[in-house]
């Protein structure tokens, strides 16, 4: 079949007009993207992490966010939830960075949400929850894109960590072993835990565990601002 000059011209014009998918994707990428994980039993979404997420989104117009997709269940299925969540944190961070390599990432986690992010970013395993591998799951490119990490009520809390913030001087119910560190992100993490919290510390007031957004929201935003520059 012969193509006329007009039809060839039309095909060329159509090809030139069609945007390259990769270029189109990158042009739609935000400058700042927040990835957040909710606490145990909270419905799908951000849960108590929403206070931190909303403060960041309001402070940086045009920024975007997504919730980590994982069960967030407790009881006998807690370990399975942590395993799935740890992997999904890594998958979502790595996938977003692959799509938008120039976007800056802010990671937020609350309670179990902080635990799964701690596992994914810092490695070291989580044997109490059935995670025996010890390597971090974040690619080097995605790691470089992570500028700030906010955790609240992290069950893996260890007061010896330099990024700990709050009155707790004990460990959580699934603490990191003595001497463990997270050197890649040490200066990028702020982890909130107070002494009366029964989950990240050894207290007996569950309300403390639920109140970090109101207590430390502005402090967390100041930390994020300093890290983003």
N, C-alpha and C. Protein backbone atom coordinates (compact mmCIF):
# COMPACT_ATOMS: atom_id res chain seq x y z
N UNK A 1 0.85 -1.19 0.00
CA UNK A 1 0.00 0.00 0.00
C UNK A 1 0.88 1.24 0.00
N UNK A 2 0.61 2.18 -0.89
CA UNK A 2 1.40 3.40 -0.99
C UNK A 2 0.84 4.46 -0.06
N UNK A 3 1.75 5.17 0.59
CA UNK A 3 1.34 6.27 1.46
C UNK A 3 1.49 7.57 0.71
N UNK A 4 0.49 8.39 0.77
CA UNK A 4 0.58 9.70 0.13
C UNK A 4 1.42 10.62 0.98
N UNK A 5 1.87 11.69 0.36
CA UNK A 5 2.65 12.69 1.09
C UNK A 5 1.85 13.23 2.27
N UNK A 6 0.56 13.41 2.06
CA UNK A 6 -0.29 13.97 3.11
C UNK A 6 -0.39 13.02 4.30
N UNK A 7 -0.52 11.70 4.00
CA UNK A 7 -0.65 10.74 5.10
C UNK A 7 0.65 10.59 5.87
N UNK A 8 1.79 10.62 5.17
CA UNK A 8 3.09 10.58 5.85
C UNK A 8 3.25 11.79 6.74
N UNK A 9 2.89 12.95 6.24
CA UNK A 9 3.00 14.18 7.03
C UNK A 9 2.13 14.09 8.28
N UNK A 10 0.94 13.53 8.12
CA UNK A 10 0.03 13.40 9.26
C UNK A 10 0.61 12.47 10.31
N UNK A 11 1.22 11.36 9.86
CA UNK A 11 1.82 10.41 10.80
C UNK A 11 2.97 11.04 11.57
N UNK A 12 3.81 11.79 10.85
CA UNK A 12 4.93 12.47 11.50
C UNK A 12 4.44 13.48 12.51
N UNK A 13 3.44 14.24 12.12
CA UNK A 13 2.91 15.26 13.03
C UNK A 13 2.34 14.62 14.28
N UNK A 14 1.66 13.48 14.10
CA UNK A 14 1.08 12.78 15.24
C UNK A 14 2.17 12.27 16.17
N UNK A 15 3.25 11.73 15.60
CA UNK A 15 4.35 11.20 16.41
C UNK A 15 5.03 12.30 17.20
N UNK A 16 5.21 13.45 16.55
CA UNK A 16 5.87 14.56 17.22
C UNK A 16 5.00 15.15 18.31
N UNK A 17 3.69 15.12 18.10
CA UNK A 17 2.77 15.70 19.08
C UNK A 17 2.61 14.83 20.31
N UNK A 18 2.80 13.51 20.15
CA UNK A 18 2.62 12.60 21.28
C UNK A 18 3.77 12.74 22.26
N UNK A 19 3.50 13.05 23.55
CA UNK A 19 4.58 13.22 24.52
C UNK A 19 5.24 11.90 24.86
N UNK A 20 6.54 11.95 25.10
CA UNK A 20 7.23 10.75 25.56
C UNK A 20 6.72 10.43 26.95
N UNK A 21 6.29 9.18 27.22
CA UNK A 21 5.70 8.83 28.51
C UNK A 21 6.60 9.20 29.69
N UNK A 22 7.90 8.92 29.59
CA UNK A 22 8.81 9.20 30.69
C UNK A 22 8.88 10.70 30.96
N UNK A 23 8.98 11.49 29.90
CA UNK A 23 9.06 12.94 30.05
C UNK A 23 7.77 13.47 30.66
N UNK A 24 6.64 12.95 30.20
CA UNK A 24 5.35 13.40 30.71
C UNK A 24 5.24 13.09 32.20
N UNK A 25 5.67 11.89 32.60
CA UNK A 25 5.61 11.51 34.01
C UNK A 25 6.47 12.42 34.86
N UNK A 26 7.69 12.67 34.43
CA UNK A 26 8.60 13.47 35.23
C UNK A 26 8.14 14.93 35.32
N UNK A 27 7.52 15.43 34.26
CA UNK A 27 7.04 16.80 34.30
C UNK A 27 5.91 16.95 35.31
N UNK A 28 5.18 15.86 35.61
CA UNK A 28 4.07 15.93 36.55
C UNK A 28 4.49 15.59 37.97
N UNK A 29 5.77 15.34 38.19
CA UNK A 29 6.26 14.98 39.52
C UNK A 29 6.30 16.19 40.44
N UNK A 30 5.96 16.01 41.72
CA UNK A 30 6.02 17.12 42.67
C UNK A 30 7.44 17.36 43.13
N UNK A 31 7.67 18.53 43.69
CA UNK A 31 8.97 18.80 44.29
C UNK A 31 9.15 17.99 45.58
N UNK A 32 8.04 17.85 46.33
CA UNK A 32 8.08 17.13 47.61
C UNK A 32 6.94 16.12 47.65
N UNK A 33 7.25 14.90 48.06
CA UNK A 33 6.24 13.84 48.16
C UNK A 33 6.35 13.18 49.53
N UNK A 34 5.22 13.02 50.21
CA UNK A 34 5.18 12.41 51.54
C UNK A 34 4.62 11.00 51.42
N UNK A 35 5.32 10.05 52.03
CA UNK A 35 4.84 8.67 52.11
C UNK A 35 4.65 8.36 53.59
N UNK A 36 3.43 7.98 53.98
CA UNK A 36 3.12 7.82 55.40
C UNK A 36 2.43 6.49 55.68
N UNK A 37 2.70 5.94 56.87
CA UNK A 37 2.11 4.66 57.28
C UNK A 37 1.37 4.82 58.60
N UNK A 38 0.16 4.28 58.65
CA UNK A 38 -0.72 4.43 59.80
C UNK A 38 -0.41 3.43 60.90
N UNK A 39 -1.09 3.61 62.02
CA UNK A 39 -0.92 2.75 63.18
C UNK A 39 -1.82 1.52 63.13
N UNK A 40 -1.62 0.61 64.06
CA UNK A 40 -2.39 -0.63 64.15
C UNK A 40 -3.88 -0.36 64.30
N UNK A 41 -4.68 -1.08 63.53
CA UNK A 41 -6.15 -1.06 63.50
C UNK A 41 -6.75 0.21 62.89
N UNK A 42 -5.94 1.17 62.52
CA UNK A 42 -6.49 2.36 61.85
C UNK A 42 -6.98 1.97 60.46
N UNK A 43 -8.09 2.54 59.99
CA UNK A 43 -8.56 2.22 58.64
C UNK A 43 -7.58 2.71 57.59
N UNK A 44 -7.71 2.19 56.39
CA UNK A 44 -6.79 2.55 55.30
C UNK A 44 -6.69 4.05 55.17
N UNK A 45 -5.48 4.53 54.98
CA UNK A 45 -5.22 5.97 54.92
C UNK A 45 -4.03 6.30 55.80
N UNK A 46 -4.06 7.47 56.41
CA UNK A 46 -2.91 7.93 57.20
C UNK A 46 -3.07 7.72 58.69
N UNK A 47 -4.28 7.48 59.18
CA UNK A 47 -4.48 7.31 60.60
C UNK A 47 -3.99 8.53 61.37
N UNK A 48 -3.35 8.29 62.50
CA UNK A 48 -2.84 9.38 63.33
C UNK A 48 -1.66 10.11 62.71
N UNK A 49 -1.08 9.53 61.67
CA UNK A 49 0.01 10.21 60.95
C UNK A 49 -0.52 11.39 60.15
N UNK A 50 -1.84 11.50 60.00
CA UNK A 50 -2.42 12.55 59.16
C UNK A 50 -2.08 13.95 59.65
N UNK A 51 -1.95 14.13 60.96
CA UNK A 51 -1.59 15.45 61.49
C UNK A 51 -0.26 15.91 60.92
N UNK A 52 0.72 15.04 60.96
CA UNK A 52 2.04 15.38 60.41
C UNK A 52 1.97 15.58 58.90
N UNK A 53 1.27 14.68 58.22
CA UNK A 53 1.16 14.77 56.76
C UNK A 53 0.52 16.09 56.35
N UNK A 54 -0.59 16.44 56.98
CA UNK A 54 -1.30 17.67 56.60
C UNK A 54 -0.48 18.92 56.86
N UNK A 55 0.26 18.94 57.95
CA UNK A 55 1.12 20.10 58.23
C UNK A 55 2.16 20.28 57.14
N UNK A 56 2.73 19.20 56.68
CA UNK A 56 3.75 19.27 55.62
C UNK A 56 3.13 19.71 54.31
N UNK A 57 1.98 19.13 53.96
CA UNK A 57 1.32 19.49 52.70
C UNK A 57 0.91 20.95 52.69
N UNK A 58 0.44 21.45 53.83
CA UNK A 58 0.04 22.85 53.91
C UNK A 58 1.24 23.79 53.83
N UNK A 59 2.36 23.35 54.38
CA UNK A 59 3.57 24.19 54.37
C UNK A 59 4.23 24.23 53.00
N UNK A 60 3.97 23.21 52.18
CA UNK A 60 4.60 23.13 50.86
C UNK A 60 3.53 22.91 49.79
N UNK A 61 2.88 23.99 49.36
CA UNK A 61 1.85 23.87 48.32
C UNK A 61 2.40 23.17 47.08
N UNK A 62 1.59 22.29 46.53
CA UNK A 62 2.02 21.53 45.36
C UNK A 62 2.64 20.19 45.70
N UNK A 63 2.93 19.98 46.99
CA UNK A 63 3.46 18.68 47.40
C UNK A 63 2.34 17.65 47.38
N UNK A 64 2.70 16.39 47.31
CA UNK A 64 1.73 15.30 47.23
C UNK A 64 2.02 14.26 48.31
N UNK A 65 1.12 13.31 48.46
CA UNK A 65 1.30 12.29 49.49
C UNK A 65 0.62 10.99 49.09
N UNK A 66 1.05 9.93 49.72
CA UNK A 66 0.41 8.62 49.55
C UNK A 66 0.55 7.84 50.84
N UNK A 67 -0.42 6.97 51.09
CA UNK A 67 -0.40 6.11 52.28
C UNK A 67 0.18 4.75 51.92
N UNK A 68 0.94 4.20 52.85
CA UNK A 68 1.48 2.85 52.64
C UNK A 68 0.32 1.86 52.71
N UNK A 69 0.26 1.00 51.75
CA UNK A 69 -0.81 -0.01 51.66
C UNK A 69 -0.36 -1.27 52.39
N UNK A 70 -0.92 -1.48 53.57
CA UNK A 70 -0.57 -2.69 54.34
C UNK A 70 -1.69 -2.97 55.33
N UNK A 71 -1.75 -4.17 55.93
CA UNK A 71 -2.90 -4.54 56.76
C UNK A 71 -3.08 -3.70 58.03
N UNK A 72 -1.99 -3.35 58.71
CA UNK A 72 -2.04 -2.60 59.98
C UNK A 72 -2.90 -3.34 61.01
N UNK A 73 -2.78 -4.65 61.05
CA UNK A 73 -3.54 -5.45 61.99
C UNK A 73 -2.72 -5.74 63.24
N UNK A 74 -3.43 -6.10 64.31
CA UNK A 74 -2.77 -6.43 65.57
C UNK A 74 -3.00 -7.88 65.95
N UNK A 75 -2.83 -8.17 67.23
CA UNK A 75 -3.08 -9.52 67.73
C UNK A 75 -2.18 -10.55 67.09
N UNK A 76 -2.74 -11.71 66.79
CA UNK A 76 -1.95 -12.81 66.24
C UNK A 76 -1.43 -12.54 64.84
N UNK A 77 -2.03 -11.58 64.14
CA UNK A 77 -1.60 -11.28 62.77
C UNK A 77 -0.64 -10.09 62.72
N UNK A 78 -0.21 -9.62 63.90
CA UNK A 78 0.68 -8.45 63.92
C UNK A 78 1.97 -8.72 63.14
N UNK A 79 2.58 -9.86 63.38
CA UNK A 79 3.84 -10.18 62.70
C UNK A 79 3.69 -10.22 61.19
N UNK A 80 2.62 -10.83 60.72
CA UNK A 80 2.37 -10.88 59.27
C UNK A 80 2.16 -9.48 58.71
N UNK A 81 1.45 -8.65 59.47
CA UNK A 81 1.22 -7.27 59.05
C UNK A 81 2.53 -6.50 58.95
N UNK A 82 3.41 -6.69 59.93
CA UNK A 82 4.71 -6.02 59.91
C UNK A 82 5.54 -6.50 58.72
N UNK A 83 5.51 -7.80 58.45
CA UNK A 83 6.27 -8.32 57.31
C UNK A 83 5.78 -7.72 56.00
N UNK A 84 4.47 -7.72 55.79
CA UNK A 84 3.92 -7.15 54.56
C UNK A 84 4.18 -5.66 54.49
N UNK A 85 3.99 -4.99 55.61
CA UNK A 85 4.18 -3.54 55.63
C UNK A 85 5.61 -3.14 55.34
N UNK A 86 6.55 -3.86 55.91
CA UNK A 86 7.97 -3.56 55.67
C UNK A 86 8.29 -3.64 54.18
N UNK A 87 7.81 -4.68 53.53
CA UNK A 87 8.06 -4.84 52.10
C UNK A 87 7.34 -3.77 51.29
N UNK A 88 6.11 -3.44 51.69
CA UNK A 88 5.35 -2.44 50.93
C UNK A 88 5.92 -1.04 51.07
N UNK A 89 6.46 -0.72 52.25
CA UNK A 89 7.15 0.56 52.41
C UNK A 89 8.25 0.68 51.37
N UNK A 90 9.07 -0.35 51.29
CA UNK A 90 10.18 -0.33 50.33
C UNK A 90 9.68 -0.25 48.90
N UNK A 91 8.67 -1.05 48.58
CA UNK A 91 8.14 -1.05 47.22
C UNK A 91 7.64 0.32 46.81
N UNK A 92 6.90 0.98 47.70
CA UNK A 92 6.31 2.27 47.36
C UNK A 92 7.36 3.37 47.27
N UNK A 93 8.32 3.36 48.18
CA UNK A 93 9.39 4.36 48.12
C UNK A 93 10.22 4.18 46.86
N UNK A 94 10.64 2.94 46.60
CA UNK A 94 11.48 2.68 45.43
C UNK A 94 10.74 2.96 44.12
N UNK A 95 9.47 2.59 44.07
CA UNK A 95 8.68 2.80 42.84
C UNK A 95 8.48 4.28 42.57
N UNK A 96 8.16 5.04 43.62
CA UNK A 96 7.95 6.47 43.40
C UNK A 96 9.25 7.14 42.96
N UNK A 97 10.35 6.77 43.58
CA UNK A 97 11.63 7.37 43.19
C UNK A 97 12.00 7.02 41.76
N UNK A 98 11.64 5.84 41.32
CA UNK A 98 11.92 5.45 39.94
C UNK A 98 11.11 6.31 38.96
N UNK A 99 9.86 6.60 39.33
CA UNK A 99 9.01 7.45 38.48
C UNK A 99 9.42 8.92 38.55
N UNK A 100 9.80 9.36 39.75
CA UNK A 100 10.09 10.78 39.98
C UNK A 100 11.44 10.93 40.69
N UNK A 101 12.53 10.70 39.99
CA UNK A 101 13.85 10.68 40.64
C UNK A 101 14.30 12.01 41.22
N UNK A 102 13.70 13.10 40.80
CA UNK A 102 14.11 14.41 41.30
C UNK A 102 13.26 14.91 42.45
N UNK A 103 12.22 14.19 42.80
CA UNK A 103 11.36 14.60 43.92
C UNK A 103 12.03 14.29 45.25
N UNK A 104 11.83 15.20 46.22
CA UNK A 104 12.32 14.98 47.57
C UNK A 104 11.27 14.21 48.36
N UNK A 105 11.70 13.23 49.13
CA UNK A 105 10.78 12.39 49.88
C UNK A 105 10.82 12.69 51.37
N UNK A 106 9.64 12.76 51.97
CA UNK A 106 9.50 12.85 53.42
C UNK A 106 8.71 11.61 53.86
N UNK A 107 9.25 10.87 54.81
CA UNK A 107 8.64 9.62 55.27
C UNK A 107 8.07 9.83 56.67
N UNK A 108 6.81 9.43 56.86
CA UNK A 108 6.13 9.60 58.15
C UNK A 108 5.54 8.26 58.57
N UNK A 109 5.75 7.88 59.83
CA UNK A 109 5.18 6.63 60.32
C UNK A 109 4.69 6.76 61.75
N UNK A 110 3.56 6.13 62.03
CA UNK A 110 2.97 6.20 63.37
C UNK A 110 2.80 4.79 63.91
N UNK A 111 3.39 4.53 65.08
CA UNK A 111 3.27 3.25 65.77
C UNK A 111 3.74 2.10 64.86
N UNK A 112 2.88 1.14 64.55
CA UNK A 112 3.30 0.06 63.65
C UNK A 112 3.79 0.62 62.32
N UNK A 113 3.22 1.74 61.90
CA UNK A 113 3.68 2.39 60.67
C UNK A 113 5.12 2.84 60.76
N UNK A 114 5.52 3.29 61.96
CA UNK A 114 6.92 3.66 62.17
C UNK A 114 7.80 2.42 62.19
N UNK A 115 7.30 1.35 62.78
CA UNK A 115 8.06 0.11 62.86
C UNK A 115 8.40 -0.44 61.48
N UNK A 116 7.43 -0.47 60.59
CA UNK A 116 7.69 -1.03 59.26
C UNK A 116 8.63 -0.14 58.46
N UNK A 117 8.56 1.16 58.68
CA UNK A 117 9.49 2.06 57.99
C UNK A 117 10.90 1.91 58.56
N UNK A 118 10.98 1.77 59.87
CA UNK A 118 12.27 1.53 60.54
C UNK A 118 12.92 0.27 59.95
N UNK A 119 12.15 -0.79 59.83
CA UNK A 119 12.68 -2.04 59.28
C UNK A 119 13.17 -1.86 57.85
N UNK A 120 12.37 -1.19 57.03
CA UNK A 120 12.70 -1.05 55.61
C UNK A 120 13.91 -0.15 55.39
N UNK A 121 13.97 0.95 56.14
CA UNK A 121 15.05 1.91 55.93
C UNK A 121 16.35 1.48 56.58
N UNK A 122 16.26 0.97 57.80
CA UNK A 122 17.47 0.72 58.59
C UNK A 122 17.97 -0.72 58.52
N UNK A 123 17.11 -1.65 58.09
CA UNK A 123 17.54 -3.04 58.06
C UNK A 123 17.72 -3.58 59.46
N UNK A 124 18.59 -4.57 59.60
CA UNK A 124 18.87 -5.14 60.91
C UNK A 124 17.94 -6.26 61.32
N UNK A 125 16.91 -6.52 60.51
CA UNK A 125 15.97 -7.58 60.84
C UNK A 125 14.98 -7.16 61.91
N UNK A 126 13.97 -7.99 62.09
CA UNK A 126 12.96 -7.81 63.15
C UNK A 126 12.50 -9.21 63.54
N UNK A 127 13.39 -9.96 64.21
CA UNK A 127 13.13 -11.38 64.45
C UNK A 127 11.86 -11.65 65.24
N UNK A 128 11.47 -10.75 66.13
CA UNK A 128 10.23 -10.95 66.88
C UNK A 128 9.01 -10.98 65.98
N UNK A 129 9.13 -10.38 64.81
CA UNK A 129 8.01 -10.35 63.86
C UNK A 129 8.28 -11.21 62.62
N UNK A 130 9.28 -12.07 62.71
CA UNK A 130 9.53 -13.03 61.64
C UNK A 130 10.37 -12.51 60.49
N UNK A 131 11.03 -11.36 60.67
CA UNK A 131 11.90 -10.82 59.62
C UNK A 131 13.34 -11.16 59.99
N UNK A 132 13.94 -12.08 59.24
CA UNK A 132 15.29 -12.54 59.57
C UNK A 132 16.36 -11.92 58.69
N UNK A 133 15.97 -11.39 57.52
CA UNK A 133 16.98 -10.73 56.69
C UNK A 133 17.37 -9.40 57.35
N UNK A 134 18.61 -8.98 57.15
CA UNK A 134 19.11 -7.81 57.88
C UNK A 134 19.45 -6.62 56.99
N UNK A 135 19.34 -6.79 55.69
CA UNK A 135 19.73 -5.70 54.79
C UNK A 135 18.58 -4.70 54.63
N UNK A 136 18.89 -3.41 54.47
CA UNK A 136 17.85 -2.41 54.17
C UNK A 136 17.24 -2.69 52.80
N UNK A 137 16.02 -2.24 52.59
CA UNK A 137 15.30 -2.55 51.35
C UNK A 137 15.20 -1.37 50.40
N UNK A 138 15.76 -0.24 50.77
CA UNK A 138 15.63 0.97 49.96
C UNK A 138 16.82 1.06 49.01
N UNK A 139 16.56 1.35 47.73
CA UNK A 139 17.65 1.50 46.76
C UNK A 139 18.49 2.72 47.11
N UNK A 140 19.71 2.75 46.62
CA UNK A 140 20.59 3.88 46.92
C UNK A 140 20.03 5.18 46.35
N UNK A 141 19.42 5.11 45.18
CA UNK A 141 18.84 6.32 44.57
C UNK A 141 17.69 6.84 45.42
N UNK A 142 16.80 5.94 45.85
CA UNK A 142 15.67 6.36 46.68
C UNK A 142 16.15 6.86 48.04
N UNK A 143 17.18 6.21 48.57
CA UNK A 143 17.74 6.65 49.85
C UNK A 143 18.23 8.09 49.78
N UNK A 144 18.88 8.43 48.69
CA UNK A 144 19.37 9.80 48.52
C UNK A 144 18.23 10.80 48.43
N UNK A 145 17.07 10.35 47.95
CA UNK A 145 15.92 11.25 47.80
C UNK A 145 15.19 11.48 49.11
N UNK A 146 15.39 10.60 50.09
CA UNK A 146 14.72 10.75 51.39
C UNK A 146 15.43 11.85 52.18
N UNK A 147 14.72 12.92 52.45
CA UNK A 147 15.32 14.08 53.12
C UNK A 147 14.96 14.17 54.59
N UNK A 148 13.80 13.65 54.98
CA UNK A 148 13.38 13.72 56.38
C UNK A 148 12.49 12.54 56.70
N UNK A 149 12.60 12.05 57.94
CA UNK A 149 11.80 10.93 58.41
C UNK A 149 11.22 11.30 59.77
N UNK A 150 9.90 11.18 59.91
CA UNK A 150 9.22 11.47 61.17
C UNK A 150 8.55 10.20 61.67
N UNK A 151 8.92 9.76 62.88
CA UNK A 151 8.28 8.61 63.49
C UNK A 151 7.66 9.01 64.81
N UNK A 152 6.52 8.42 65.13
CA UNK A 152 5.85 8.67 66.40
C UNK A 152 5.42 7.35 67.01
N UNK A 153 5.78 7.14 68.28
CA UNK A 153 5.37 5.93 68.97
C UNK A 153 5.92 4.65 68.37
N UNK A 154 7.16 4.67 67.92
CA UNK A 154 7.77 3.51 67.25
C UNK A 154 8.06 2.39 68.25
N UNK A 155 7.45 1.21 68.09
CA UNK A 155 7.72 0.09 69.00
C UNK A 155 9.18 -0.35 68.99
N UNK A 156 9.94 0.01 67.96
CA UNK A 156 11.35 -0.35 67.87
C UNK A 156 12.24 0.67 68.57
N UNK A 157 11.61 1.62 69.26
CA UNK A 157 12.35 2.69 69.91
C UNK A 157 13.43 2.16 70.86
N UNK A 158 14.59 2.78 70.76
CA UNK A 158 15.67 2.55 71.71
C UNK A 158 16.21 3.92 72.10
N UNK A 159 16.22 4.26 73.38
CA UNK A 159 16.60 5.62 73.79
C UNK A 159 18.04 5.98 73.47
N UNK A 160 18.86 4.99 73.15
CA UNK A 160 20.25 5.28 72.82
C UNK A 160 20.40 5.88 71.43
N UNK A 161 19.36 5.77 70.61
CA UNK A 161 19.44 6.30 69.25
C UNK A 161 19.50 7.82 69.29
N UNK A 162 20.39 8.39 68.52
CA UNK A 162 20.59 9.83 68.56
C UNK A 162 19.41 10.61 68.02
N UNK A 163 18.55 9.96 67.25
CA UNK A 163 17.41 10.67 66.68
C UNK A 163 16.17 10.60 67.57
N UNK A 164 16.28 9.95 68.73
CA UNK A 164 15.16 9.88 69.67
C UNK A 164 14.83 11.26 70.21
N UNK A 165 13.53 11.56 70.35
CA UNK A 165 13.08 12.86 70.85
C UNK A 165 11.88 12.62 71.78
N UNK A 166 12.00 13.04 73.02
CA UNK A 166 10.92 12.85 73.98
C UNK A 166 11.47 12.40 75.32
N UNK A 167 10.56 12.11 76.26
CA UNK A 167 10.96 11.85 77.64
C UNK A 167 11.24 10.38 77.94
N UNK A 168 11.00 9.49 77.00
CA UNK A 168 11.22 8.06 77.24
C UNK A 168 12.70 7.75 77.43
N UNK A 169 13.00 6.93 78.44
CA UNK A 169 14.38 6.49 78.66
C UNK A 169 14.48 4.96 78.63
N UNK A 170 13.44 4.32 78.13
CA UNK A 170 13.42 2.86 78.01
C UNK A 170 13.16 2.50 76.55
N UNK A 171 13.08 1.21 76.28
CA UNK A 171 12.80 0.77 74.92
C UNK A 171 11.33 0.46 74.71
N UNK A 172 10.94 0.30 73.45
CA UNK A 172 9.57 -0.08 73.12
C UNK A 172 9.35 -1.57 73.31
N UNK A 173 8.17 -2.07 72.91
CA UNK A 173 7.90 -3.50 73.13
C UNK A 173 8.64 -4.39 72.14
N UNK A 174 9.23 -3.82 71.10
CA UNK A 174 10.05 -4.58 70.14
C UNK A 174 11.30 -3.75 69.83
N UNK A 175 12.12 -3.46 70.84
CA UNK A 175 13.20 -2.48 70.66
C UNK A 175 14.35 -2.99 69.80
N UNK A 176 15.05 -2.06 69.22
CA UNK A 176 16.31 -2.39 68.56
C UNK A 176 17.30 -2.87 69.61
N UNK A 177 18.20 -3.78 69.24
CA UNK A 177 19.20 -4.25 70.21
C UNK A 177 20.16 -3.14 70.58
N UNK A 178 20.73 -3.26 71.75
CA UNK A 178 21.69 -2.27 72.23
C UNK A 178 22.84 -2.12 71.23
N UNK A 179 23.17 -0.90 70.93
CA UNK A 179 24.27 -0.64 70.01
C UNK A 179 23.87 -0.54 68.56
N UNK A 180 22.61 -0.87 68.24
CA UNK A 180 22.17 -0.76 66.84
C UNK A 180 22.06 0.71 66.44
N UNK A 181 22.41 0.99 65.20
CA UNK A 181 22.28 2.36 64.70
C UNK A 181 21.76 2.31 63.27
N UNK A 182 21.35 3.45 62.79
CA UNK A 182 20.84 3.56 61.43
C UNK A 182 21.63 4.68 60.75
N UNK A 183 22.93 4.43 60.47
CA UNK A 183 23.83 5.51 60.06
C UNK A 183 23.42 6.25 58.80
N UNK A 184 22.81 5.56 57.85
CA UNK A 184 22.44 6.22 56.59
C UNK A 184 21.48 7.37 56.83
N UNK A 185 20.56 7.18 57.79
CA UNK A 185 19.50 8.17 58.01
C UNK A 185 19.61 8.89 59.35
N UNK A 186 20.70 8.67 60.06
CA UNK A 186 20.83 9.16 61.43
C UNK A 186 20.42 10.63 61.59
N UNK A 187 20.90 11.48 60.70
CA UNK A 187 20.61 12.91 60.83
C UNK A 187 19.27 13.30 60.21
N UNK A 188 18.62 12.36 59.54
CA UNK A 188 17.38 12.67 58.83
C UNK A 188 16.13 12.23 59.58
N UNK A 189 16.31 11.51 60.68
CA UNK A 189 15.18 10.96 61.44
C UNK A 189 14.94 11.77 62.70
N UNK A 190 13.67 11.99 63.01
CA UNK A 190 13.26 12.43 64.34
C UNK A 190 12.16 11.48 64.80
N UNK A 191 12.40 10.82 65.93
CA UNK A 191 11.49 9.79 66.42
C UNK A 191 10.95 10.18 67.80
N UNK A 192 9.64 10.38 67.89
CA UNK A 192 9.01 10.88 69.11
C UNK A 192 8.49 9.74 69.99
N UNK A 193 8.85 9.80 71.27
CA UNK A 193 8.35 8.82 72.23
C UNK A 193 8.47 9.39 73.64
N UNK A 194 7.37 9.38 74.38
CA UNK A 194 7.37 9.88 75.76
C UNK A 194 7.23 8.74 76.75
N UNK A 195 7.64 9.01 78.00
CA UNK A 195 7.79 7.97 79.01
C UNK A 195 6.50 7.23 79.34
N UNK A 196 5.35 7.89 79.27
CA UNK A 196 4.10 7.23 79.66
C UNK A 196 3.49 6.39 78.55
N UNK A 197 4.13 6.33 77.40
CA UNK A 197 3.63 5.54 76.26
C UNK A 197 3.91 4.05 76.51
N UNK A 198 2.89 3.19 76.47
CA UNK A 198 3.11 1.76 76.72
C UNK A 198 3.62 0.98 75.51
N UNK A 199 3.73 1.61 74.36
CA UNK A 199 4.11 0.88 73.14
C UNK A 199 5.54 1.18 72.69
N UNK A 200 5.92 2.44 72.70
CA UNK A 200 7.30 2.78 72.34
C UNK A 200 8.17 2.92 73.58
N UNK A 201 7.55 2.90 74.76
CA UNK A 201 8.29 2.99 76.02
C UNK A 201 7.69 1.96 76.98
N UNK A 202 7.79 2.19 78.29
CA UNK A 202 7.26 1.22 79.26
C UNK A 202 6.23 1.87 80.17
N UNK A 203 5.49 2.85 79.64
CA UNK A 203 4.48 3.54 80.42
C UNK A 203 3.15 2.80 80.44
N UNK A 204 2.10 3.50 80.90
CA UNK A 204 0.79 2.86 81.00
C UNK A 204 -0.35 3.78 80.56
N UNK A 205 -0.04 4.76 79.74
CA UNK A 205 -1.06 5.71 79.29
C UNK A 205 -1.18 5.67 77.76
N UNK A 206 -2.20 4.97 77.28
CA UNK A 206 -2.37 4.83 75.83
C UNK A 206 -2.67 6.17 75.17
N UNK A 207 -3.21 7.12 75.92
CA UNK A 207 -3.51 8.44 75.35
C UNK A 207 -2.22 9.14 74.91
N UNK A 208 -1.15 8.90 75.63
CA UNK A 208 0.13 9.47 75.23
C UNK A 208 0.50 8.97 73.84
N UNK A 209 0.30 7.69 73.61
CA UNK A 209 0.64 7.09 72.32
C UNK A 209 -0.18 7.69 71.19
N UNK A 210 -1.39 8.09 71.49
CA UNK A 210 -2.28 8.62 70.46
C UNK A 210 -2.11 10.12 70.23
N UNK A 211 -1.30 10.79 71.04
CA UNK A 211 -1.29 12.25 71.02
C UNK A 211 -0.08 12.94 70.43
N UNK A 212 0.76 12.22 69.72
CA UNK A 212 2.01 12.84 69.25
C UNK A 212 1.80 13.92 68.19
N UNK A 213 0.75 13.80 67.40
CA UNK A 213 0.49 14.83 66.40
C UNK A 213 0.26 16.18 67.03
N UNK A 214 -0.61 16.21 68.06
CA UNK A 214 -0.88 17.46 68.75
C UNK A 214 0.30 17.94 69.56
N UNK A 215 1.03 17.01 70.16
CA UNK A 215 2.16 17.37 71.03
C UNK A 215 3.37 17.84 70.24
N UNK A 216 3.67 17.18 69.15
CA UNK A 216 4.93 17.43 68.45
C UNK A 216 4.78 17.81 66.98
N UNK A 217 3.57 18.08 66.53
CA UNK A 217 3.37 18.39 65.12
C UNK A 217 4.21 19.55 64.62
N UNK A 218 4.20 20.64 65.36
CA UNK A 218 4.96 21.82 64.94
C UNK A 218 6.47 21.58 65.03
N UNK A 219 6.87 20.83 66.04
CA UNK A 219 8.29 20.49 66.16
C UNK A 219 8.73 19.65 64.97
N UNK A 220 7.88 18.71 64.58
CA UNK A 220 8.20 17.86 63.43
C UNK A 220 8.27 18.68 62.15
N UNK A 221 7.35 19.63 62.00
CA UNK A 221 7.36 20.48 60.80
C UNK A 221 8.64 21.31 60.75
N UNK A 222 9.07 21.83 61.88
CA UNK A 222 10.32 22.61 61.92
C UNK A 222 11.50 21.74 61.51
N UNK A 223 11.49 20.49 61.96
CA UNK A 223 12.56 19.56 61.59
C UNK A 223 12.55 19.30 60.09
N UNK A 224 11.37 19.07 59.54
CA UNK A 224 11.25 18.82 58.10
C UNK A 224 11.71 20.04 57.31
N UNK A 225 11.30 21.22 57.75
CA UNK A 225 11.73 22.45 57.06
C UNK A 225 13.26 22.56 57.04
N UNK A 226 13.88 22.27 58.16
CA UNK A 226 15.34 22.36 58.25
C UNK A 226 16.00 21.35 57.33
N UNK A 227 15.41 20.16 57.23
CA UNK A 227 15.99 19.12 56.40
C UNK A 227 15.80 19.40 54.91
N UNK A 228 14.66 20.00 54.55
CA UNK A 228 14.39 20.28 53.14
C UNK A 228 15.15 21.51 52.65
N UNK A 229 15.52 22.38 53.58
CA UNK A 229 16.30 23.57 53.22
C UNK A 229 15.46 24.68 52.61
